[in-house]
Amino acid sequence: MSAGKGFHIIKIIRRPWYEWGLIGVWFFAELMFLQAAIASREELEPRAALIYWFVFGVLLLGGFVYWIVRRNSLI
């Protein structure tokens, strides 16, 4: 091995059972709010659709932040 090159260590972290449960609840909530937003738009209820789209976006952003934090092993 030449100088200046090192080994990379990959650490595999398993998720506990309750974390999988929370991911399942998050995914279910995402699907429900997405379905509600699309249905409200189809029923010409713009205020309800806007609220559902907002909640869907906040949940999606929260999931993305969780993924970034988990990927970087900050928690």
N, C-alpha and C. Protein backbone atom coordinates (compact mmCIF):
# COMPACT_ATOMS: atom_id res chain seq x y z
N MET A 1 0.84 -1.17 0.00
CA MET A 1 0.00 0.00 0.00
C MET A 1 0.88 1.24 0.00
N SER A 2 0.61 2.16 -0.87
CA SER A 2 1.44 3.35 -0.99
C SER A 2 1.12 4.35 0.12
N ALA A 3 2.05 5.25 0.32
CA ALA A 3 1.90 6.24 1.38
C ALA A 3 0.77 7.20 1.04
N GLY A 4 0.04 7.63 2.04
CA GLY A 4 -1.03 8.60 1.83
C GLY A 4 -2.40 7.98 1.60
N LYS A 5 -2.44 6.68 1.42
CA LYS A 5 -3.73 6.02 1.22
C LYS A 5 -4.03 5.18 2.46
N GLY A 6 -5.22 5.35 2.96
CA GLY A 6 -5.59 4.61 4.17
C GLY A 6 -6.79 3.72 3.91
N PHE A 7 -7.13 3.02 4.93
CA PHE A 7 -8.29 2.16 4.84
C PHE A 7 -9.55 2.93 5.21
N HIS A 8 -10.65 2.55 4.63
CA HIS A 8 -11.95 3.11 4.99
C HIS A 8 -12.71 2.07 5.79
N ILE A 9 -13.23 2.50 6.91
CA ILE A 9 -14.00 1.60 7.77
C ILE A 9 -15.46 1.97 7.65
N ILE A 10 -16.27 0.99 7.32
CA ILE A 10 -17.71 1.19 7.21
C ILE A 10 -18.37 0.56 8.43
N LYS A 11 -19.10 1.36 9.16
CA LYS A 11 -19.77 0.88 10.36
C LYS A 11 -21.25 0.69 10.03
N ILE A 12 -21.76 -0.50 10.24
CA ILE A 12 -23.16 -0.79 9.97
C ILE A 12 -23.92 -0.69 11.29
N ILE A 13 -24.89 0.21 11.31
CA ILE A 13 -25.69 0.42 12.51
C ILE A 13 -27.10 -0.10 12.23
N ARG A 14 -27.51 -1.07 13.02
CA ARG A 14 -28.87 -1.61 12.86
C ARG A 14 -29.86 -0.71 13.58
N ARG A 15 -31.03 -0.62 13.00
CA ARG A 15 -32.08 0.16 13.63
C ARG A 15 -32.82 -0.71 14.64
N PRO A 16 -33.17 -0.14 15.80
CA PRO A 16 -33.96 -0.92 16.77
C PRO A 16 -35.39 -1.10 16.28
N TRP A 17 -36.13 -2.01 16.90
CA TRP A 17 -37.48 -2.34 16.45
C TRP A 17 -38.41 -1.15 16.51
N TYR A 18 -38.29 -0.29 17.54
CA TYR A 18 -39.20 0.85 17.67
C TYR A 18 -38.94 1.90 16.59
N GLU A 19 -37.71 1.97 16.11
CA GLU A 19 -37.41 2.91 15.04
C GLU A 19 -38.08 2.47 13.75
N TRP A 20 -38.10 1.16 13.48
CA TRP A 20 -38.81 0.65 12.30
C TRP A 20 -40.30 0.94 12.43
N GLY A 21 -40.84 0.81 13.65
CA GLY A 21 -42.25 1.12 13.88
C GLY A 21 -42.57 2.58 13.61
N LEU A 22 -41.69 3.47 14.07
CA LEU A 22 -41.90 4.90 13.82
C LEU A 22 -41.78 5.24 12.34
N ILE A 23 -40.88 4.58 11.64
CA ILE A 23 -40.76 4.79 10.20
C ILE A 23 -42.03 4.32 9.50
N GLY A 24 -42.60 3.21 9.96
CA GLY A 24 -43.85 2.71 9.39
C GLY A 24 -45.00 3.67 9.63
N VAL A 25 -45.09 4.23 10.84
CA VAL A 25 -46.14 5.21 11.15
C VAL A 25 -45.96 6.46 10.29
N TRP A 26 -44.70 6.91 10.14
CA TRP A 26 -44.43 8.09 9.32
C TRP A 26 -44.84 7.84 7.86
N PHE A 27 -44.49 6.68 7.34
CA PHE A 27 -44.84 6.35 5.95
C PHE A 27 -46.35 6.27 5.77
N PHE A 28 -47.05 5.66 6.73
CA PHE A 28 -48.51 5.57 6.67
C PHE A 28 -49.14 6.97 6.71
N ALA A 29 -48.63 7.84 7.59
CA ALA A 29 -49.15 9.21 7.68
C ALA A 29 -48.91 9.96 6.37
N GLU A 30 -47.73 9.77 5.77
CA GLU A 30 -47.44 10.41 4.49
C GLU A 30 -48.45 9.99 3.43
N LEU A 31 -48.72 8.69 3.35
CA LEU A 31 -49.68 8.20 2.36
C LEU A 31 -51.08 8.75 2.61
N MET A 32 -51.49 8.81 3.88
CA MET A 32 -52.83 9.30 4.19
C MET A 32 -52.98 10.78 3.87
N PHE A 33 -51.99 11.59 4.20
CA PHE A 33 -52.08 13.01 3.90
C PHE A 33 -51.96 13.28 2.40
N LEU A 34 -51.17 12.49 1.70
CA LEU A 34 -51.11 12.63 0.24
C LEU A 34 -52.45 12.30 -0.38
N GLN A 35 -53.07 11.21 0.05
CA GLN A 35 -54.38 10.82 -0.48
C GLN A 35 -55.42 11.88 -0.15
N ALA A 36 -55.39 12.42 1.07
CA ALA A 36 -56.36 13.44 1.47
C ALA A 36 -56.17 14.73 0.66
N ALA A 37 -54.93 15.10 0.39
CA ALA A 37 -54.66 16.31 -0.40
C ALA A 37 -55.16 16.15 -1.82
N ILE A 38 -54.91 15.01 -2.43
CA ILE A 38 -55.37 14.77 -3.81
C ILE A 38 -56.89 14.72 -3.86
N ALA A 39 -57.51 14.04 -2.89
CA ALA A 39 -58.96 13.95 -2.86
C ALA A 39 -59.60 15.31 -2.63
N SER A 40 -59.03 16.13 -1.76
CA SER A 40 -59.59 17.46 -1.52
C SER A 40 -59.49 18.34 -2.75
N ARG A 41 -58.42 18.19 -3.50
CA ARG A 41 -58.29 18.96 -4.74
C ARG A 41 -59.33 18.52 -5.75
N GLU A 42 -59.56 17.22 -5.83
CA GLU A 42 -60.55 16.69 -6.77
C GLU A 42 -61.98 17.12 -6.40
N GLU A 43 -62.22 17.29 -5.10
CA GLU A 43 -63.55 17.70 -4.65
C GLU A 43 -63.69 19.22 -4.62
N LEU A 44 -62.72 19.92 -5.16
CA LEU A 44 -62.72 21.39 -5.25
C LEU A 44 -62.81 22.04 -3.87
N GLU A 45 -62.02 21.53 -2.95
CA GLU A 45 -61.89 22.10 -1.60
C GLU A 45 -60.47 22.65 -1.46
N PRO A 46 -60.20 23.85 -1.97
CA PRO A 46 -58.82 24.34 -2.00
C PRO A 46 -58.21 24.59 -0.62
N ARG A 47 -59.01 25.02 0.35
CA ARG A 47 -58.45 25.30 1.67
C ARG A 47 -58.01 24.00 2.35
N ALA A 48 -58.85 22.98 2.28
CA ALA A 48 -58.48 21.69 2.88
C ALA A 48 -57.28 21.08 2.16
N ALA A 49 -57.27 21.19 0.83
CA ALA A 49 -56.15 20.65 0.05
C ALA A 49 -54.85 21.35 0.44
N LEU A 50 -54.91 22.67 0.62
CA LEU A 50 -53.71 23.42 0.99
C LEU A 50 -53.19 22.97 2.36
N ILE A 51 -54.09 22.75 3.30
CA ILE A 51 -53.68 22.29 4.63
C ILE A 51 -53.05 20.91 4.55
N TYR A 52 -53.67 20.00 3.79
CA TYR A 52 -53.12 18.65 3.66
C TYR A 52 -51.78 18.66 2.93
N TRP A 53 -51.64 19.48 1.90
CA TRP A 53 -50.35 19.57 1.21
C TRP A 53 -49.28 20.12 2.13
N PHE A 54 -49.66 21.09 2.98
CA PHE A 54 -48.69 21.66 3.92
C PHE A 54 -48.22 20.61 4.91
N VAL A 55 -49.16 19.85 5.49
CA VAL A 55 -48.80 18.81 6.45
C VAL A 55 -47.95 17.74 5.77
N PHE A 56 -48.32 17.37 4.54
CA PHE A 56 -47.53 16.39 3.78
C PHE A 56 -46.11 16.89 3.58
N GLY A 57 -45.95 18.16 3.22
CA GLY A 57 -44.62 18.73 3.00
C GLY A 57 -43.80 18.79 4.28
N VAL A 58 -44.44 19.15 5.39
CA VAL A 58 -43.72 19.21 6.67
C VAL A 58 -43.26 17.82 7.09
N LEU A 59 -44.14 16.82 6.93
CA LEU A 59 -43.74 15.44 7.25
C LEU A 59 -42.62 14.96 6.33
N LEU A 60 -42.70 15.31 5.06
CA LEU A 60 -41.66 14.91 4.12
C LEU A 60 -40.33 15.57 4.47
N LEU A 61 -40.37 16.85 4.82
CA LEU A 61 -39.16 17.56 5.22
C LEU A 61 -38.58 16.95 6.50
N GLY A 62 -39.46 16.60 7.45
CA GLY A 62 -39.01 15.97 8.68
C GLY A 62 -38.34 14.63 8.40
N GLY A 63 -38.89 13.85 7.49
CA GLY A 63 -38.28 12.58 7.11
C GLY A 63 -36.92 12.78 6.46
N PHE A 64 -36.81 13.80 5.63
CA PHE A 64 -35.54 14.10 4.97
C PHE A 64 -34.48 14.52 5.99
N VAL A 65 -34.87 15.36 6.93
CA VAL A 65 -33.93 15.79 7.98
C VAL A 65 -33.50 14.60 8.83
N TYR A 66 -34.45 13.73 9.16
CA TYR A 66 -34.12 12.52 9.92
C TYR A 66 -33.12 11.65 9.16
N TRP A 67 -33.33 11.50 7.87
CA TRP A 67 -32.44 10.69 7.04
C TRP A 67 -31.03 11.29 7.01
N ILE A 68 -30.94 12.61 6.86
CA ILE A 68 -29.63 13.29 6.83
C ILE A 68 -28.92 13.11 8.17
N VAL A 69 -29.64 13.32 9.26
CA VAL A 69 -29.03 13.20 10.59
C VAL A 69 -28.60 11.76 10.84
N ARG A 70 -29.45 10.81 10.48
CA ARG A 70 -29.13 9.39 10.69
C ARG A 70 -27.94 8.97 9.82
N ARG A 71 -27.91 9.47 8.58
CA ARG A 71 -26.82 9.11 7.66
C ARG A 71 -25.47 9.62 8.17
N ASN A 72 -25.47 10.79 8.75
CA ASN A 72 -24.23 11.37 9.25
C ASN A 72 -23.91 10.93 10.67
N SER A 73 -24.70 10.01 11.20
CA SER A 73 -24.50 9.46 12.56
C SER A 73 -24.46 10.53 13.63
N LEU A 74 -25.31 11.52 13.49
CA LEU A 74 -25.37 12.56 14.52
C LEU A 74 -26.24 12.15 15.68
N ILE A 75 -27.09 11.12 15.48
CA ILE A 75 -27.88 10.58 16.60
C ILE A 75 -27.62 9.10 16.71
